[in-house]
Amino acid sequence: MAREGAGSGGGNTSSGDSGDDSGGVSNGGPGTDEAGSDRPEATAIGDRSSSSPSSSTHSLSSLRYLLILSRPRFWLYLAGPVIVGVVYGATTVEQLFTPITVGLFAYFLLPANVFLYGINDVFDSEIDAANPKKADREARYRGQRFVPVVVAVSAMLSLAFVPALPADALFWIAVFLVLGAAYSAPPVRFKTTPLLDSLSNGLYVAPGIAAYVAVAGSQPPALAILGGWLWAMGMHTFSAIPDIEPDRETGIRTTATVLGERPTYAYCGLCWLGSAVAFAAVDPRLGALLGVYPLLVAVVAASSVSVHRAYWWFPAINTLVGTALTMGGLWVLVHA
């Protein structure tokens, strides 16, 4: 997603924040406790300039801000692929719950989301001033000095996996971190380069690949990686559709702003169709499940449903699809 989610999407991310809180998975997505006007209580969350009766109140306010920043609705856009990767990489039930698998899930559930969406918000503060999503479902970054520090710490927490994971798994964690930073941060800022903004959001499947390698000791099928990457590209670009006008107003060029709304639906449909075909080559049942996505985008494009409304359906849809993938993998694991 366009940094909401995900992708999310997985995965899965406006030019910026669309994945998102999908998911998750979600978290794929994000909570709604700040819905409504941009009231002082929400807009100054975590800002030292806001008045607070005590330092403990300020700390709670900062924690609440970070929680909202992490897009809870989209948490599963990163953590969900870890579950899927573990299930399909395991050959015994005992491999499902180990310190490594639990640690990967915990990291990609919260710290990785703080990193991914935090760096997005820090470098998008001017753009987000005109983004309506920031007024009703998300928190605006207003220059709080602690936020970049927490984002950096969230990234560095991944170093805890270095002594415990094989090099091939660490490679995919590095892919996630590098693309997550490069998407939003100068000098590259992939989010401002049409097509690269979409391609780079394959990062949402990197946690799942890392988890698969950690459990199986080998890479997943190449076609499964391709299918997951295409899924995340479609999810990112779909989630950027609601941001077309805000991005155009601020001069941001993305795949969605260049194509326009209806051609972007077609682009997402092609990504998701390619994903379904790739997964079908691995297992026809996987292809059938992923075939839900091109059908969904066709329905949205052909109906009167607002894309702004449909955007918030995907965290639940991604969670259902991810659950089906997981349950199918568990059934095979138990009965094979």
Protein backbone atom coordinates (compact mmCIF):
# COMPACT_ATOMS: atom_id res chain seq x y z
CA MET A 1 0.00 0.00 0.00
CA ALA A 2 0.98 3.43 -0.28
CA ARG A 3 2.46 3.23 3.10
CA GLU A 4 -0.72 2.27 4.52
CA GLY A 5 -0.62 -0.73 3.71
CA ALA A 6 -0.20 -2.67 2.67
CA GLY A 7 1.04 -3.71 2.11
CA SER A 8 -0.45 -4.37 2.45
CA GLY A 9 0.26 -6.04 2.07
CA GLY A 10 0.38 -8.23 3.43
CA GLY A 11 0.97 -6.38 2.24
CA ASN A 12 1.23 -3.31 1.79
CA THR A 13 0.96 2.46 2.66
CA SER A 14 -0.67 8.63 -0.50
CA SER A 15 2.40 8.70 -2.07
CA GLY A 16 2.73 7.91 1.22
CA ASP A 17 0.78 6.44 3.68
CA SER A 18 -1.12 3.71 2.44
CA GLY A 19 -0.69 0.54 4.04
CA ASP A 20 -0.87 0.68 5.94
CA ASP A 21 -3.78 0.13 9.44
CA SER A 22 -3.92 -2.73 6.51
CA GLY A 23 -2.01 -6.03 7.26
CA GLY A 24 -1.15 -6.75 8.67
CA VAL A 25 -2.63 -6.96 7.89
CA SER A 26 -4.32 -5.63 9.87
CA ASN A 27 -3.19 -4.56 9.61
CA GLY A 28 -2.94 -5.07 7.32
CA GLY A 29 -5.07 -1.34 9.35
CA PRO A 30 -5.38 1.80 11.54
CA GLY A 31 -7.69 2.71 14.36
CA THR A 32 -10.48 5.22 14.29
CA ASP A 33 -10.25 6.77 17.72
CA GLU A 34 -9.15 10.07 16.22
CA ALA A 35 -12.01 10.30 13.79
CA GLY A 36 -13.53 13.69 13.39
CA SER A 37 -12.04 17.12 13.32
CA ASP A 38 -8.38 17.77 13.87
CA ARG A 39 -8.90 18.66 17.50
CA PRO A 40 -6.04 19.92 19.69
CA GLU A 41 -6.13 16.75 21.78
CA ALA A 42 -5.22 14.64 18.75
CA THR A 43 -3.10 17.05 16.75
CA ALA A 44 -0.66 17.81 19.51
CA ILE A 45 -0.24 14.24 20.67
CA GLY A 46 3.27 13.74 21.91
CA ASP A 47 4.24 17.40 21.40
CA ARG A 48 6.21 18.85 24.29
CA SER A 49 4.58 22.18 23.64
CA SER A 50 1.20 20.82 24.67
CA SER A 51 0.28 21.43 28.25
CA SER A 52 0.20 18.42 30.54
CA PRO A 53 -0.27 18.14 34.29
CA SER A 54 2.75 15.91 34.73
CA SER A 55 5.58 14.15 32.96
CA SER A 56 3.69 10.87 33.28
CA THR A 57 0.75 12.40 31.41
CA HIS A 58 3.13 13.59 28.71
CA SER A 59 4.67 10.11 28.46
CA LEU A 60 1.25 8.54 28.05
CA SER A 61 0.41 11.11 25.40
CA SER A 62 3.63 10.29 23.54
CA LEU A 63 2.95 6.56 23.72
CA ARG A 64 -0.57 7.10 22.42
CA TYR A 65 0.82 9.14 19.55
CA LEU A 66 3.31 6.39 18.65
CA LEU A 67 0.55 3.80 18.77
CA ILE A 68 -1.58 5.81 16.36
CA LEU A 69 1.46 6.51 14.16
CA SER A 70 2.10 2.75 13.86
CA ARG A 71 -1.31 2.27 12.17
CA PRO A 72 -2.75 -0.56 14.35
CA ARG A 73 -5.24 -1.45 11.65
CA PHE A 74 -2.32 -2.25 9.36
CA TRP A 75 -0.15 -4.15 11.84
CA LEU A 76 -0.89 -7.47 10.20
CA TYR A 77 0.36 -6.20 6.84
CA LEU A 78 3.84 -6.94 8.20
CA ALA A 79 3.17 -9.46 10.98
CA GLY A 80 0.70 -11.47 8.89
CA PRO A 81 3.28 -12.49 6.27
CA VAL A 82 5.49 -13.70 9.14
CA ILE A 83 2.73 -16.09 10.22
CA VAL A 84 2.24 -17.32 6.66
CA GLY A 85 5.98 -17.74 6.13
CA VAL A 86 6.37 -19.73 9.34
CA VAL A 87 3.43 -22.01 8.55
CA TYR A 88 4.60 -22.80 5.02
CA GLY A 89 8.24 -23.13 6.03
CA ALA A 90 7.56 -25.54 8.89
CA THR A 91 7.63 -29.30 8.50
CA THR A 92 6.59 -30.06 12.09
CA VAL A 93 4.14 -28.45 14.49
CA GLU A 94 6.98 -27.86 16.95
CA GLN A 95 8.62 -25.44 14.50
CA LEU A 96 5.66 -23.07 14.65
CA PHE A 97 6.40 -21.68 18.09
CA THR A 98 10.06 -21.09 18.81
CA PRO A 99 11.90 -18.08 20.24
CA ILE A 100 12.84 -17.06 16.67
CA THR A 101 9.33 -17.28 15.19
CA VAL A 102 7.77 -15.50 18.17
CA GLY A 103 10.50 -12.85 18.07
CA LEU A 104 9.99 -12.21 14.35
CA PHE A 105 6.25 -11.91 14.83
CA ALA A 106 6.65 -9.49 17.75
CA TYR A 107 9.16 -7.32 15.87
CA PHE A 108 7.06 -7.04 12.73
CA LEU A 109 3.89 -6.50 14.72
CA LEU A 110 4.92 -3.23 16.38
CA PRO A 111 8.54 -1.97 16.13
CA ALA A 112 8.70 -2.52 12.36
CA ASN A 113 5.43 -0.63 11.91
CA VAL A 114 6.71 2.26 14.02
CA PHE A 115 9.81 2.34 11.79
CA LEU A 116 7.95 2.06 8.50
CA TYR A 117 5.16 4.55 9.16
CA GLY A 118 7.24 6.79 11.39
CA ILE A 119 9.85 7.49 8.73
CA ASN A 120 7.00 8.06 6.30
CA ASP A 121 5.39 10.66 8.55
CA VAL A 122 8.64 12.45 9.38
CA PHE A 123 9.48 13.08 5.72
CA ASP A 124 5.87 13.69 4.66
CA SER A 125 4.90 16.31 7.21
CA GLU A 126 4.34 19.04 4.61
CA ILE A 127 2.41 16.73 2.28
CA ASP A 128 0.28 15.40 5.11
CA ALA A 129 -0.84 18.89 6.06
CA ALA A 130 -3.21 18.63 3.07
CA ASN A 131 -4.06 14.93 3.52
CA PRO A 132 -7.59 14.42 4.95
CA LYS A 133 -6.66 10.95 6.24
CA LYS A 134 -4.44 12.65 8.79
CA ALA A 135 -7.36 14.60 10.18
CA ASP A 136 -9.67 11.72 10.89
CA ARG A 137 -7.88 8.35 11.06
CA GLU A 138 -4.22 9.00 11.63
CA ALA A 139 -1.89 11.30 13.56
CA ARG A 140 0.02 14.17 12.01
CA TYR A 141 3.72 14.53 12.71
CA ARG A 142 4.33 18.02 14.04
CA GLY A 143 8.06 17.98 14.56
CA GLN A 144 8.18 16.12 17.87
CA ARG A 145 11.88 15.48 18.46
CA PHE A 146 11.41 12.07 20.05
CA VAL A 147 9.79 10.57 16.95
CA PRO A 148 12.92 10.26 14.73
CA VAL A 149 14.77 8.76 17.71
CA VAL A 150 12.09 6.12 18.24
CA VAL A 151 12.03 5.37 14.52
CA ALA A 152 15.80 4.81 14.50
CA VAL A 153 15.64 2.61 17.61
CA SER A 154 12.83 0.56 16.03
CA ALA A 155 15.06 -0.14 13.05
CA MET A 156 18.06 -1.03 15.21
CA LEU A 157 16.04 -3.55 17.22
CA SER A 158 16.30 -5.81 14.16
CA LEU A 159 19.99 -6.24 14.98
CA ALA A 160 18.92 -8.62 17.73
CA PHE A 161 18.25 -11.20 15.00
CA VAL A 162 21.81 -11.11 13.62
CA PRO A 163 23.24 -13.85 15.84
CA ALA A 164 20.11 -16.00 15.57
CA LEU A 165 19.15 -16.05 11.89
CA PRO A 166 20.87 -17.45 8.80
CA ALA A 167 22.32 -14.97 6.33
CA ASP A 168 19.54 -15.59 3.80
CA ALA A 169 16.89 -14.56 6.34
CA LEU A 170 18.88 -11.49 7.42
CA PHE A 171 19.06 -10.48 3.76
CA TRP A 172 15.27 -10.16 3.60
CA ILE A 173 15.14 -8.18 6.84
CA ALA A 174 17.72 -5.85 5.29
CA VAL A 175 15.57 -5.60 2.15
CA PHE A 176 12.64 -4.52 4.32
CA LEU A 177 14.66 -1.87 6.17
CA VAL A 178 16.42 -0.47 3.09
CA LEU A 179 13.29 -0.24 0.97
CA GLY A 180 11.26 1.06 3.93
CA ALA A 181 13.70 3.93 4.38
CA ALA A 182 14.31 4.54 0.68
CA TYR A 183 10.60 4.80 -0.01
CA SER A 184 10.20 7.91 2.15
CA ALA A 185 13.63 9.37 2.89
CA PRO A 186 15.81 11.53 0.64
CA PRO A 187 17.73 11.36 -1.55
CA VAL A 188 15.95 8.53 -3.35
CA ARG A 189 12.35 8.84 -2.03
CA PHE A 190 10.89 6.12 -4.24
CA LYS A 191 7.41 7.37 -3.38
CA THR A 192 7.95 10.35 -5.68
CA THR A 193 9.02 8.21 -8.66
CA PRO A 194 6.17 6.58 -10.59
CA LEU A 195 6.48 2.79 -10.85
CA LEU A 196 9.37 2.67 -8.37
CA ASP A 197 6.91 3.69 -5.65
CA SER A 198 4.90 0.59 -6.51
CA LEU A 199 7.85 -1.77 -7.08
CA SER A 200 9.51 -0.86 -3.80
CA ASN A 201 6.43 -1.81 -1.81
CA GLY A 202 7.19 -5.45 -2.34
CA LEU A 203 8.92 -4.82 0.99
CA TYR A 204 5.69 -5.93 2.68
CA VAL A 205 6.38 -9.57 1.79
CA ALA A 206 10.02 -9.47 2.94
CA PRO A 207 9.11 -10.32 6.57
CA GLY A 208 7.27 -13.43 5.39
CA ILE A 209 10.22 -14.56 3.26
CA ALA A 210 12.60 -13.99 6.17
CA ALA A 211 10.35 -16.07 8.43
CA TYR A 212 10.12 -18.87 5.86
CA VAL A 213 13.90 -19.00 5.52
CA ALA A 214 14.36 -18.91 9.30
CA VAL A 215 12.18 -22.01 9.67
CA ALA A 216 12.86 -23.96 6.47
CA GLY A 217 16.52 -23.07 6.03
CA SER A 218 15.94 -22.37 2.32
CA GLN A 219 14.23 -19.82 0.11
CA PRO A 220 10.52 -20.19 -0.75
CA PRO A 221 9.61 -20.95 -4.39
CA ALA A 222 10.58 -18.09 -6.68
CA LEU A 223 7.05 -17.92 -8.08
CA ALA A 224 5.67 -17.50 -4.56
CA ILE A 225 8.03 -14.56 -4.01
CA LEU A 226 6.95 -13.07 -7.35
CA GLY A 227 3.28 -13.57 -6.51
CA GLY A 228 3.67 -11.95 -3.12
CA TRP A 229 5.61 -9.04 -4.57
CA LEU A 230 2.96 -8.38 -7.23
CA TRP A 231 0.24 -8.57 -4.58
CA ALA A 232 2.03 -5.93 -2.49
CA MET A 233 2.51 -3.70 -5.55
CA GLY A 234 -1.20 -3.83 -6.29
CA MET A 235 -2.11 -3.18 -2.67
CA HIS A 236 0.21 -0.19 -2.42
CA THR A 237 -1.05 1.39 -5.62
CA PHE A 238 -4.70 0.83 -4.73
CA SER A 239 -4.15 2.48 -1.38
CA ALA A 240 -2.61 5.48 -3.17
CA ILE A 241 -5.82 6.19 -5.12
CA PRO A 242 -7.47 8.14 -2.25
CA ASP A 243 -4.34 10.31 -2.15
CA ILE A 244 -4.34 11.28 -5.83
CA GLU A 245 -5.73 14.77 -5.29
CA PRO A 246 -3.70 15.64 -2.15
CA ASP A 247 -0.55 14.41 -3.91
CA ARG A 248 -1.28 16.40 -7.04
CA GLU A 249 -1.93 19.52 -4.98
CA THR A 250 1.49 19.20 -3.39
CA GLY A 251 3.26 18.32 -6.64
CA ILE A 252 3.98 14.68 -5.76
CA ARG A 253 4.21 12.30 -8.72
CA THR A 254 3.23 8.69 -8.06
CA THR A 255 2.04 5.81 -10.19
CA ALA A 256 -1.52 6.73 -9.22
CA THR A 257 -1.22 10.46 -9.93
CA VAL A 258 0.35 9.78 -13.34
CA LEU A 259 -2.22 7.17 -14.38
CA GLY A 260 -5.34 8.72 -12.85
CA GLU A 261 -8.03 6.89 -10.92
CA ARG A 262 -9.54 4.53 -13.48
CA PRO A 263 -6.29 3.44 -15.17
CA THR A 264 -4.89 2.83 -11.69
CA TYR A 265 -7.72 0.37 -11.06
CA ALA A 266 -6.57 -1.48 -14.19
CA TYR A 267 -2.93 -1.41 -13.02
CA CYS A 268 -3.91 -2.89 -9.65
CA GLY A 269 -6.06 -5.51 -11.37
CA LEU A 270 -3.13 -6.57 -13.56
CA CYS A 271 -0.77 -6.78 -10.56
CA TRP A 272 -3.27 -8.91 -8.66
CA LEU A 273 -4.04 -11.07 -11.67
CA GLY A 274 -0.32 -11.69 -12.13
CA SER A 275 -0.07 -12.54 -8.44
CA ALA A 276 -2.89 -15.08 -8.73
CA VAL A 277 -1.29 -16.69 -11.79
CA ALA A 278 2.11 -16.94 -10.08
CA PHE A 279 0.62 -18.53 -6.98
CA ALA A 280 -1.50 -20.88 -9.11
CA ALA A 281 1.71 -22.20 -10.64
CA VAL A 282 2.84 -23.10 -7.11
CA ASP A 283 -0.54 -24.51 -6.06
CA PRO A 284 -3.88 -23.98 -7.88
CA ARG A 285 -5.63 -23.48 -4.54
CA LEU A 286 -3.39 -20.54 -3.75
CA GLY A 287 -4.13 -19.03 -7.14
CA ALA A 288 -7.87 -19.38 -6.58
CA LEU A 289 -7.62 -17.61 -3.24
CA LEU A 290 -5.54 -14.73 -4.62
CA GLY A 291 -8.01 -14.45 -7.49
CA VAL A 292 -10.28 -12.62 -5.07
CA TYR A 293 -8.28 -9.43 -5.50
CA PRO A 294 -8.68 -8.77 -9.25
CA LEU A 295 -12.38 -9.50 -8.81
CA LEU A 296 -12.64 -7.01 -5.96
CA VAL A 297 -10.94 -4.19 -7.83
CA ALA A 298 -13.21 -4.85 -10.82
CA VAL A 299 -16.26 -4.57 -8.58
CA VAL A 300 -15.03 -1.32 -7.03
CA ALA A 301 -14.20 0.15 -10.44
CA ALA A 302 -17.57 -0.80 -11.90
CA SER A 303 -19.70 0.23 -8.91
CA SER A 304 -20.62 3.50 -7.26
CA VAL A 305 -18.62 2.63 -4.15
CA SER A 306 -16.20 5.40 -3.27
CA VAL A 307 -12.55 4.34 -3.34
CA HIS A 308 -12.14 6.24 -0.07
CA ARG A 309 -14.63 3.83 1.48
CA ALA A 310 -13.31 0.71 -0.25
CA TYR A 311 -9.78 1.56 0.91
CA TRP A 312 -10.80 0.87 4.50
CA TRP A 313 -12.29 -2.54 3.62
CA PHE A 314 -8.96 -4.04 2.67
CA PRO A 315 -7.51 -4.56 6.16
CA ALA A 316 -10.43 -6.91 6.88
CA ILE A 317 -10.22 -8.54 3.44
CA ASN A 318 -6.48 -9.08 3.78
CA THR A 319 -6.97 -10.55 7.22
CA LEU A 320 -9.55 -13.01 5.90
CA VAL A 321 -7.33 -14.04 2.98
CA GLY A 322 -4.31 -14.33 5.26
CA THR A 323 -6.32 -16.46 7.67
CA ALA A 324 -7.39 -18.75 4.84
CA LEU A 325 -3.76 -19.06 3.67
CA THR A 326 -2.64 -19.86 7.20
CA MET A 327 -5.38 -22.38 7.90
CA GLY A 328 -4.70 -24.11 4.59
CA GLY A 329 -1.01 -24.35 5.39
CA LEU A 330 -1.72 -25.69 8.87
CA TRP A 331 -4.06 -28.32 7.46
CA VAL A 332 -1.34 -29.52 5.09
CA LEU A 333 1.24 -29.47 7.89
CA VAL A 334 -0.93 -31.57 10.21
CA HIS A 335 -2.30 -34.01 7.64
CA ALA A 336 0.63 -34.41 5.25
